């Protein structure tokens, strides 16, 4: 069930009116939202609802044991077990086939061919997101940075809440559990902000991302040998816009939907293509993941506490694992390695030049954007051969055939979004909240109709559903 569909619209209207009819009975409201979330998830595959329940029960149980223990050594063992359980679930469903295939190739190369059990494992949608939420809950309870949930129901809803279940943002227990403990409240500003985010997300996904994907990105990445440098460069820029509009659209709609239900989610994107360094890019791109990797991987590895070399090694490990998190393929590992190497280079440069400004900000933005685009080639290409073909095609000068005014215009609009005022939607919500209800409803209705009028037929799944 995709957000920009009639089926989801009907589902959400039912959830919206029913949940607010239970606003004075918070326990029943949460139970209803949990059942609605399981129904939402079951539209992909009902069998995996049991996995959601099992994961929530295990994380709740481990956290409860951690809270009940005063023995530091036992607490460490318990948090280790909790993290391991989540990683085993994620590893089996997401990486089993990949690692078995790599093991078979390695054994064949040394002459020890074996028949290993190669199972056809179906990847549950959103597994990377809800397992990371489970890990953060257990670790935060262990660190005492988050209070344990008061009930199993709250943990289940934390990990299953349908707005962010499938593709984030990764909402931590310390942010969401306190909201579950009290009856939600919907203000006029929250409602206005929620509707604006949903409309903005619909526009980015259904108009910009979909049009660029179907008419430019997919054809060129499918067979780069058929295109010249101009078309390939245009397709790379288009994919940079597509993946931003696609993923940030899901986050916008998730935040907006949660707001209409009375809950607050953290911002997940902050104009990433205006970043002047790779470190700055990761402060702006998929913020919930980058902060998760920082707090639960980079800092526990030692961060930068032990000097420059240690900092460079730790950031490289973090980005390699971040690349692998995105998919069980060497192209994703290479993408993570590129981002890690770029950040290492920046750290070495800062160590060499200190606080001196070596290049102007505009040049830093330009370089950073093109390093990111180079990474997007690895991220989008299904194989290394296709990635190499894309790079090779950048040196092949042929006539440009894909550059229609519409596609070029959409790329310009997608990049131009990054130079709007940083909190434009929030500012608009503040200005519109004082408008008469009828005027506000008409404006929102007209905006929905305009997006519906210009969007192409059909809705492709969001890119991050596969992760």
Protein backbone atom coordinates (compact mmCIF):
# COMPACT_ATOMS: atom_id res chain seq x y z
CA UNK A 1 0.00 0.00 0.00
CA UNK A 2 1.80 3.11 -1.26
CA UNK A 3 1.20 6.59 0.18
CA UNK A 4 0.24 8.28 -3.15
CA UNK A 5 -2.65 5.90 -3.90
CA UNK A 6 -6.41 5.92 -3.45
CA UNK A 7 -6.22 2.75 -1.33
CA UNK A 8 -3.94 4.44 1.17
CA UNK A 9 -6.12 7.56 1.16
CA UNK A 10 -9.17 5.50 2.17
CA UNK A 11 -7.12 3.62 4.77
CA UNK A 12 -5.75 6.81 6.28
CA UNK A 13 -9.13 8.53 6.48
CA UNK A 14 -10.49 5.55 8.41
CA UNK A 15 -7.45 5.56 10.73
CA UNK A 16 -7.61 9.32 11.19
CA UNK A 17 -11.27 9.55 12.21
CA UNK A 18 -11.23 6.38 14.30
CA UNK A 19 -8.06 7.30 16.20
CA UNK A 20 -9.31 10.77 17.06
CA UNK A 21 -12.62 9.29 18.23
CA UNK A 22 -10.49 7.43 20.80
CA UNK A 23 -8.38 10.41 21.83
CA UNK A 24 -9.55 10.23 25.46
CA UNK A 25 -8.75 6.53 25.70
CA UNK A 26 -5.05 6.50 24.93
CA UNK A 27 -4.58 2.77 25.55
CA UNK A 28 -7.33 1.83 23.09
CA UNK A 29 -6.06 4.43 20.64
CA UNK A 30 -2.58 2.91 20.66
CA UNK A 31 -4.00 -0.59 20.28
CA UNK A 32 -6.04 0.57 17.29
CA UNK A 33 -3.00 2.23 15.70
CA UNK A 34 -0.99 -0.95 16.22
CA UNK A 35 -3.64 -3.11 14.54
CA UNK A 36 -3.90 -0.57 11.71
CA UNK A 37 -0.12 -0.65 11.31
CA UNK A 38 -0.11 -4.45 11.10
CA UNK A 39 -2.85 -4.29 8.48
CA UNK A 40 -0.79 -1.72 6.52
CA UNK A 41 2.31 -3.95 6.68
CA UNK A 42 0.30 -7.05 5.76
CA UNK A 43 -0.59 -5.51 2.40
CA UNK A 44 2.94 -6.47 1.29
CA UNK A 45 3.05 -9.89 2.95
CA UNK A 46 0.91 -10.83 5.96
CA UNK A 47 3.38 -13.53 7.02
CA UNK A 48 5.91 -10.94 8.13
CA UNK A 49 3.55 -9.39 10.68
CA UNK A 50 4.69 -12.24 12.91
CA UNK A 51 8.30 -11.08 12.44
CA UNK A 52 7.34 -7.59 13.61
CA UNK A 53 5.67 -9.04 16.70
CA UNK A 54 8.59 -11.38 17.47
CA UNK A 55 11.15 -8.59 17.06
CA UNK A 56 9.19 -6.26 19.36
CA UNK A 57 8.72 -8.93 22.03
CA UNK A 58 12.43 -9.82 22.01
CA UNK A 59 13.55 -6.20 22.27
CA UNK A 60 11.02 -5.46 25.00
CA UNK A 61 12.10 -8.54 26.95
CA UNK A 62 15.84 -7.81 26.68
CA UNK A 63 15.30 -4.17 27.71
CA UNK A 64 13.22 -5.29 30.70
CA UNK A 65 16.01 -7.65 31.82
CA UNK A 66 18.58 -4.84 31.46
CA UNK A 67 16.49 -2.52 33.63
CA UNK A 68 16.02 -5.24 36.26
CA UNK A 69 19.76 -5.90 36.61
CA UNK A 70 22.25 -3.94 38.71
CA UNK A 71 25.21 -6.03 37.57
CA UNK A 72 27.18 -4.07 34.95
CA UNK A 73 28.69 -7.21 33.46
CA UNK A 74 25.27 -8.85 33.09
CA UNK A 75 23.85 -5.66 31.59
CA UNK A 76 26.64 -5.67 28.97
CA UNK A 77 25.92 -9.28 28.11
CA UNK A 78 22.23 -8.55 27.78
CA UNK A 79 22.66 -5.53 25.52
CA UNK A 80 25.09 -7.57 23.41
CA UNK A 81 22.49 -10.33 23.11
CA UNK A 82 19.81 -7.80 22.18
CA UNK A 83 21.94 -6.24 19.44
CA UNK A 84 22.99 -9.68 18.18
CA UNK A 85 19.36 -10.85 17.91
CA UNK A 86 18.45 -7.83 15.80
CA UNK A 87 21.50 -8.26 13.58
CA UNK A 88 20.78 -11.98 13.14
CA UNK A 89 17.24 -11.20 11.99
CA UNK A 90 18.50 -8.52 9.60
CA UNK A 91 21.43 -10.65 8.43
CA UNK A 92 19.36 -13.73 7.66
CA UNK A 93 16.68 -12.01 5.63
CA UNK A 94 18.86 -9.41 3.91
CA UNK A 95 22.32 -10.96 3.54
CA UNK A 96 21.96 -14.75 3.67
CA UNK A 97 21.90 -15.22 -0.11
CA UNK A 98 24.70 -12.68 -0.66
CA UNK A 99 27.10 -14.31 1.80
CA UNK A 100 26.35 -17.83 0.59
CA UNK A 101 27.03 -16.78 -3.01
CA UNK A 102 30.32 -15.15 -1.98
CA UNK A 103 31.31 -18.25 -0.01
CA UNK A 104 30.57 -20.49 -3.01
CA UNK A 105 32.71 -18.29 -5.27
CA UNK A 106 35.57 -18.29 -2.76
CA UNK A 107 35.49 -22.07 -2.32
CA UNK A 108 35.42 -22.54 -6.10
CA UNK A 109 38.49 -20.34 -6.52
CA UNK A 110 40.53 -22.48 -4.08
CA UNK A 111 39.23 -25.73 -5.55
CA UNK A 112 36.94 -26.64 -2.64
CA UNK A 113 33.59 -26.56 -4.35
CA UNK A 114 30.75 -27.38 -2.00
CA UNK A 115 26.96 -27.46 -2.19
CA UNK A 116 25.86 -24.92 0.41
CA UNK A 117 22.16 -24.50 1.22
CA UNK A 118 21.01 -21.60 -0.97
CA UNK A 119 17.51 -20.66 0.17
CA UNK A 120 15.18 -18.25 -1.58
CA UNK A 121 14.69 -15.77 1.28
CA UNK A 122 12.04 -13.10 0.73
CA UNK A 123 13.15 -9.70 2.03
CA UNK A 124 10.52 -8.18 4.36
CA UNK A 125 9.86 -4.59 3.37
CA UNK A 126 11.29 -2.09 5.87
CA UNK A 127 13.33 -4.67 7.82
CA UNK A 128 16.43 -2.45 7.95
CA UNK A 129 14.44 0.33 9.56
CA UNK A 130 12.56 -1.59 12.24
CA UNK A 131 15.61 -3.65 13.26
CA UNK A 132 17.66 -0.45 13.65
CA UNK A 133 14.88 0.95 15.81
CA UNK A 134 14.99 -2.21 17.92
CA UNK A 135 18.76 -1.87 18.36
CA UNK A 136 18.52 1.79 19.33
CA UNK A 137 15.80 1.00 21.90
CA UNK A 138 17.84 -1.71 23.63
CA UNK A 139 21.07 0.31 23.56
CA UNK A 140 19.39 3.52 24.80
CA UNK A 141 17.80 1.66 27.71
CA UNK A 142 21.21 0.18 28.53
CA UNK A 143 22.85 3.61 28.37
CA UNK A 144 19.97 5.08 30.41
CA UNK A 145 19.44 7.75 27.76
CA UNK A 146 15.87 6.52 27.23
CA UNK A 147 13.38 5.31 29.78
CA UNK A 148 12.10 1.77 29.19
CA UNK A 149 8.63 1.46 27.69
CA UNK A 150 5.86 1.16 30.22
CA UNK A 151 4.22 -1.62 28.26
CA UNK A 152 4.85 -4.14 25.50
CA UNK A 153 2.16 -2.32 23.49
CA UNK A 154 4.35 0.81 23.34
CA UNK A 155 7.37 -1.13 22.04
CA UNK A 156 5.25 -2.88 19.42
CA UNK A 157 3.82 0.45 18.26
CA UNK A 158 7.30 2.04 18.30
CA UNK A 159 8.56 -0.58 15.83
CA UNK A 160 5.35 -0.99 13.79
CA UNK A 161 3.88 2.53 13.51
CA UNK A 162 2.83 2.65 9.85
CA UNK A 163 3.90 6.20 8.83
CA UNK A 164 7.61 5.42 9.23
CA UNK A 165 7.57 1.60 9.24
CA UNK A 166 8.65 0.97 5.67
CA UNK A 167 11.31 3.61 4.91
CA UNK A 168 11.88 5.72 7.99
CA UNK A 169 12.75 8.13 9.36
CA UNK A 170 14.30 6.02 12.14
CA UNK A 171 12.49 7.48 15.15
CA UNK A 172 14.24 6.69 18.41
CA UNK A 173 12.51 5.49 21.54
CA UNK A 174 13.51 8.64 23.43
CA UNK A 175 11.59 10.70 20.84
CA UNK A 176 8.47 8.57 20.36
CA UNK A 177 7.80 6.64 23.58
CA UNK A 178 7.13 9.78 25.66
CA UNK A 179 4.59 10.80 23.01
CA UNK A 180 2.85 7.42 23.29
CA UNK A 181 2.55 7.79 27.05
CA UNK A 182 0.24 10.80 26.81
CA UNK A 183 -2.89 11.41 24.80
CA UNK A 184 -1.91 13.24 21.58
CA UNK A 185 -3.09 16.71 20.73
CA UNK A 186 -3.59 18.14 17.25
CA UNK A 187 -3.05 21.87 16.89
CA UNK A 188 -4.00 23.96 13.89
CA UNK A 189 -0.32 24.54 13.11
CA UNK A 190 0.43 20.80 13.25
CA UNK A 191 -2.46 20.03 10.91
CA UNK A 192 -1.45 22.76 8.44
CA UNK A 193 2.17 21.65 8.52
CA UNK A 194 1.11 18.02 8.05
CA UNK A 195 -1.02 18.76 4.98
CA UNK A 196 1.68 20.93 3.41
CA UNK A 197 4.30 18.22 3.89
CA UNK A 198 2.02 15.60 2.35
CA UNK A 199 1.29 17.79 -0.70
CA UNK A 200 4.98 18.70 -1.09
CA UNK A 201 5.94 15.03 -0.82
CA UNK A 202 3.30 14.01 -3.37
CA UNK A 203 4.65 16.58 -5.82
CA UNK A 204 8.27 15.48 -5.39
CA UNK A 205 7.45 11.78 -5.70
CA UNK A 206 4.71 11.59 -8.30
CA UNK A 207 5.72 14.46 -10.55
CA UNK A 208 9.48 14.95 -10.37
CA UNK A 209 10.89 11.56 -9.28
CA UNK A 210 8.51 9.45 -11.37
CA UNK A 211 8.93 11.50 -14.57
CA UNK A 212 12.73 11.53 -14.34
CA UNK A 213 12.90 7.82 -13.52
CA UNK A 214 10.72 6.59 -16.38
CA UNK A 215 11.84 8.92 -19.16
CA UNK A 216 15.53 9.46 -18.43
CA UNK A 217 17.20 7.56 -15.58
CA UNK A 218 15.90 4.04 -16.21
CA UNK A 219 16.63 3.94 -19.99
CA UNK A 220 20.17 5.33 -19.67
CA UNK A 221 21.20 3.17 -16.69
CA UNK A 222 19.71 0.10 -18.41
CA UNK A 223 21.97 0.43 -21.48
CA UNK A 224 24.57 3.21 -21.12
CA UNK A 225 26.40 2.02 -24.24
CA UNK A 226 23.54 3.41 -26.33
CA UNK A 227 24.08 6.98 -25.12
CA UNK A 228 26.78 9.62 -25.24
CA UNK A 229 28.37 11.78 -22.57
CA UNK A 230 25.65 14.44 -22.59
CA UNK A 231 22.80 11.99 -22.00
CA UNK A 232 24.75 10.03 -19.38
CA UNK A 233 25.69 13.17 -17.44
CA UNK A 234 22.07 14.33 -17.65
CA UNK A 235 20.88 10.92 -16.36
CA UNK A 236 23.31 11.08 -13.43
CA UNK A 237 22.08 14.55 -12.45
CA UNK A 238 18.52 13.31 -12.94
CA UNK A 239 19.13 10.37 -10.61
CA UNK A 240 20.57 12.71 -7.99
CA UNK A 241 17.30 14.65 -8.16
CA UNK A 242 15.18 11.49 -8.40
CA UNK A 243 16.58 9.77 -5.32
CA UNK A 244 16.38 12.98 -3.30
CA UNK A 245 12.79 13.71 -4.36
CA UNK A 246 11.76 10.07 -3.96
CA UNK A 247 13.23 9.47 -0.50
CA UNK A 248 12.65 12.92 0.98
CA UNK A 249 9.07 12.71 -0.31
CA UNK A 250 8.47 9.55 1.72
CA UNK A 251 9.95 11.23 4.80
CA UNK A 252 7.85 14.36 4.25
CA UNK A 253 4.66 12.35 3.91
CA UNK A 254 5.55 10.17 6.90
CA UNK A 255 6.18 13.25 9.05
CA UNK A 256 2.98 14.88 7.76
CA UNK A 257 0.83 11.79 8.35
CA UNK A 258 2.23 11.39 11.87
CA UNK A 259 1.53 15.07 12.55
CA UNK A 260 -2.13 14.63 11.55
CA UNK A 261 -2.32 11.78 14.07
CA UNK A 262 -0.81 14.01 16.77
CA UNK A 263 2.79 12.77 16.77
CA UNK A 264 6.06 14.51 15.94
CA UNK A 265 8.82 12.89 13.85
CA UNK A 266 12.29 14.40 13.41
CA UNK A 267 13.36 16.08 10.18
CA UNK A 268 15.17 13.63 7.86
CA UNK A 269 16.54 15.87 5.07
CA UNK A 270 17.98 19.35 5.15
CA UNK A 271 18.83 20.48 1.60
CA UNK A 272 21.72 18.01 1.19
CA UNK A 273 22.92 19.26 -2.20
CA UNK A 274 23.94 22.61 -0.75
CA UNK A 275 26.47 20.84 1.48
CA UNK A 276 30.02 22.21 1.16
CA UNK A 277 31.75 19.01 2.32
CA UNK A 278 30.99 15.30 2.53
CA UNK A 279 30.74 15.52 6.30
CA UNK A 280 28.22 18.33 5.85
CA UNK A 281 26.35 16.21 3.29
CA UNK A 282 25.84 13.46 5.87
CA UNK A 283 24.54 16.00 8.37
CA UNK A 284 21.84 16.83 5.80
CA UNK A 285 21.11 13.53 4.01
CA UNK A 286 18.97 10.84 5.69
CA UNK A 287 19.68 12.49 9.02
CA UNK A 288 18.06 9.74 11.09
CA UNK A 289 20.40 7.11 9.58
CA UNK A 290 23.57 9.21 9.65
CA UNK A 291 22.99 10.17 13.30
CA UNK A 292 22.20 6.51 14.07
CA UNK A 293 25.49 5.39 12.49
CA UNK A 294 27.33 8.10 14.41
CA UNK A 295 25.81 7.28 17.82
CA UNK A 296 25.67 3.48 17.59
CA UNK A 297 28.68 2.68 15.41
CA UNK A 298 31.21 5.50 14.92
CA UNK A 299 31.31 6.71 18.55
CA UNK A 300 31.36 3.17 20.09
CA UNK A 301 34.28 2.35 17.75
CA UNK A 302 36.14 5.24 19.36
CA UNK A 303 35.09 8.16 17.18
CA UNK A 304 37.87 10.70 17.02
CA UNK A 305 38.94 10.36 20.65
CA UNK A 306 42.19 8.54 19.88
CA UNK A 307 43.57 10.84 17.23
CA UNK A 308 43.45 11.46 13.51
CA UNK A 309 44.37 7.97 12.31
CA UNK A 310 41.80 6.31 14.54
CA UNK A 311 39.16 8.81 13.44
CA UNK A 312 39.89 8.06 9.76
CA UNK A 313 39.75 4.29 10.32
CA UNK A 314 36.49 4.56 12.26
CA UNK A 315 34.76 6.75 9.69
CA UNK A 316 35.86 4.36 6.94
CA UNK A 317 34.43 1.36 8.82
CA UNK A 318 31.22 3.26 9.50
CA UNK A 319 30.70 4.22 5.87
CA UNK A 320 31.55 0.73 4.58
CA UNK A 321 28.94 -0.79 6.90
CA UNK A 322 26.55 2.03 6.00
CA UNK A 323 26.98 1.09 2.36
CA UNK A 324 26.36 -2.58 3.11
CA UNK A 325 23.24 -1.61 5.08
CA UNK A 326 21.78 -0.24 1.87
CA UNK A 327 21.96 -3.57 0.05
CA UNK A 328 23.66 -6.93 -0.26
CA UNK A 329 25.86 -6.04 -3.24
CA UNK A 330 29.46 -4.95 -3.76
CA UNK A 331 28.29 -1.82 -5.58
CA UNK A 332 26.81 -0.58 -2.28
CA UNK A 333 30.03 -1.41 -0.44
CA UNK A 334 31.97 0.55 -3.07
CA UNK A 335 29.52 3.45 -2.66
CA UNK A 336 30.17 3.43 1.09
CA UNK A 337 33.94 3.21 0.47
CA UNK A 338 33.80 6.27 -1.79
CA UNK A 339 31.95 8.30 0.85
CA UNK A 340 34.32 7.07 3.56
CA UNK A 341 37.43 7.86 1.49
CA UNK A 342 36.12 11.36 0.71
CA UNK A 343 35.57 12.06 4.41
CA UNK A 344 39.03 10.72 5.26
CA UNK A 345 40.50 13.05 2.63
CA UNK A 346 38.64 15.98 4.18
CA UNK A 347 39.89 15.12 7.67
CA UNK A 348 43.46 14.88 6.45
CA UNK A 349 43.05 18.23 4.69
CA UNK A 350 41.75 19.86 7.88
CA UNK A 351 44.69 18.41 9.82
CA UNK A 352 47.12 19.80 7.24
CA UNK A 353 45.62 23.28 6.81
CA UNK A 354 43.94 23.78 10.18
CA UNK A 355 41.14 26.30 10.36
CA UNK A 356 42.26 28.09 7.19
CA UNK A 357 39.67 28.22 4.42
CA UNK A 358 41.35 26.53 1.45
CA UNK A 359 38.55 26.81 -1.12
CA UNK A 360 35.52 29.11 -1.32
CA UNK A 361 32.16 27.73 -0.17
CA UNK A 362 30.66 27.73 -3.68
CA UNK A 363 33.49 25.56 -4.96
CA UNK A 364 33.11 23.21 -1.99
CA UNK A 365 29.41 22.83 -2.81
CA UNK A 366 30.22 22.12 -6.48
CA UNK A 367 32.90 19.52 -5.67
CA UNK A 368 30.80 17.84 -2.99
CA UNK A 369 27.80 17.56 -5.30
CA UNK A 370 29.84 15.90 -8.02
CA UNK A 371 31.47 13.45 -5.61
CA UNK A 372 27.96 12.55 -4.44
CA UNK A 373 26.87 12.13 -8.08
CA UNK A 374 29.83 9.83 -8.72
CA UNK A 375 28.62 7.76 -5.80
CA UNK A 376 25.08 7.70 -7.18
CA UNK A 377 26.39 5.91 -10.28
CA UNK A 378 27.57 3.04 -8.05
CA UNK A 379 24.37 3.22 -6.00
CA UNK A 380 22.03 3.05 -9.02
CA UNK A 381 23.94 0.67 -11.31
CA UNK A 382 22.86 -2.94 -10.82
CA UNK A 383 26.39 -4.27 -11.51
CA UNK A 384 29.95 -2.97 -11.58
CA UNK A 385 29.97 -3.52 -15.34
CA UNK A 386 27.08 -1.09 -15.78
CA UNK A 387 28.75 1.42 -13.46
CA UNK A 388 31.97 1.19 -15.51
CA UNK A 389 29.94 1.56 -18.72
CA UNK A 390 28.35 4.73 -17.32
CA UNK A 391 31.76 6.18 -16.48
CA UNK A 392 33.20 5.16 -19.84
CA UNK A 393 30.27 6.78 -21.62
CA UNK A 394 31.18 10.14 -20.09
CA UNK A 395 34.11 10.21 -22.51
CA UNK A 396 32.02 9.31 -25.57
CA UNK A 397 30.79 12.43 -27.34
CA UNK A 398 27.57 11.87 -29.28
CA UNK A 399 24.47 13.91 -29.94
CA UNK A 400 22.18 14.49 -26.96
CA UNK A 401 18.78 12.86 -27.50
CA UNK A 402 17.22 12.72 -24.02
CA UNK A 403 17.30 16.40 -23.04
CA UNK A 404 13.69 17.50 -23.40
CA UNK A 405 12.67 20.86 -21.91
CA UNK A 406 10.44 19.06 -19.38
CA UNK A 407 13.19 16.77 -18.08
CA UNK A 408 15.80 19.52 -17.90
CA UNK A 409 13.25 21.75 -16.16
CA UNK A 410 12.49 19.09 -13.56
CA UNK A 411 16.21 18.64 -12.82
CA UNK A 412 16.56 22.42 -12.38
CA UNK A 413 13.52 22.49 -10.07
CA UNK A 414 14.82 19.54 -8.03
CA UNK A 415 18.20 21.19 -7.51
CA UNK A 416 16.63 24.61 -7.00
CA UNK A 417 14.68 23.25 -4.00
CA UNK A 418 17.98 23.20 -2.12
CA UNK A 419 18.27 26.98 -2.32
CA UNK A 420 14.84 27.82 -0.97
CA UNK A 421 14.65 29.19 2.59
CA UNK A 422 15.74 26.26 4.84
CA UNK A 423 12.41 26.00 6.70
CA UNK A 424 10.06 27.13 3.94
CA UNK A 425 7.28 24.58 4.66
CA UNK A 426 7.33 25.31 8.40
CA UNK A 427 7.23 29.05 7.71
CA UNK A 428 4.29 28.65 5.34
CA UNK A 429 2.43 26.59 7.96
CA UNK A 430 2.91 29.36 10.52
CA UNK A 431 1.57 31.98 8.08
CA UNK A 432 -1.41 29.86 6.97
CA UNK A 433 -2.55 28.69 10.40
CA UNK A 434 -4.36 32.00 10.96
CA UNK A 435 -6.33 31.70 7.71
CA UNK A 436 -10.09 30.96 7.93
CA UNK A 437 -10.82 27.23 7.90
CA UNK A 438 -12.72 27.39 4.61
CA UNK A 439 -9.89 29.28 2.90
CA UNK A 440 -7.32 26.82 4.22
CA UNK A 441 -9.39 23.83 3.10
CA UNK A 442 -9.82 25.31 -0.39
CA UNK A 443 -6.08 26.01 -0.73
CA UNK A 444 -5.18 22.47 0.35
CA UNK A 445 -7.83 20.97 -1.92
CA UNK A 446 -6.67 22.97 -4.94
CA UNK A 447 -3.05 21.98 -4.27
CA UNK A 448 -4.00 18.28 -4.16
CA UNK A 449 -5.94 18.63 -7.43
CA UNK A 450 -3.04 20.41 -9.15
CA UNK A 451 -0.60 17.66 -8.20
CA UNK A 452 -3.10 15.04 -9.34
CA UNK A 453 -3.58 16.84 -12.65
CA UNK A 454 0.12 17.00 -13.57
CA UNK A 455 1.33 13.66 -12.22
CA UNK A 456 1.86 10.76 -14.68
CA UNK A 457 -0.15 7.53 -14.58
CA UNK A 458 0.74 4.93 -11.96
CA UNK A 459 2.99 5.06 -8.89
CA UNK A 460 6.31 3.25 -8.65
CA UNK A 461 7.45 1.93 -5.23
CA UNK A 462 9.73 4.22 -3.27
CA UNK A 463 13.43 3.54 -3.86
CA UNK A 464 14.17 2.91 -0.18
CA UNK A 465 11.53 0.18 0.12
CA UNK A 466 14.21 -2.28 -1.02
CA UNK A 467 16.45 -1.38 1.91
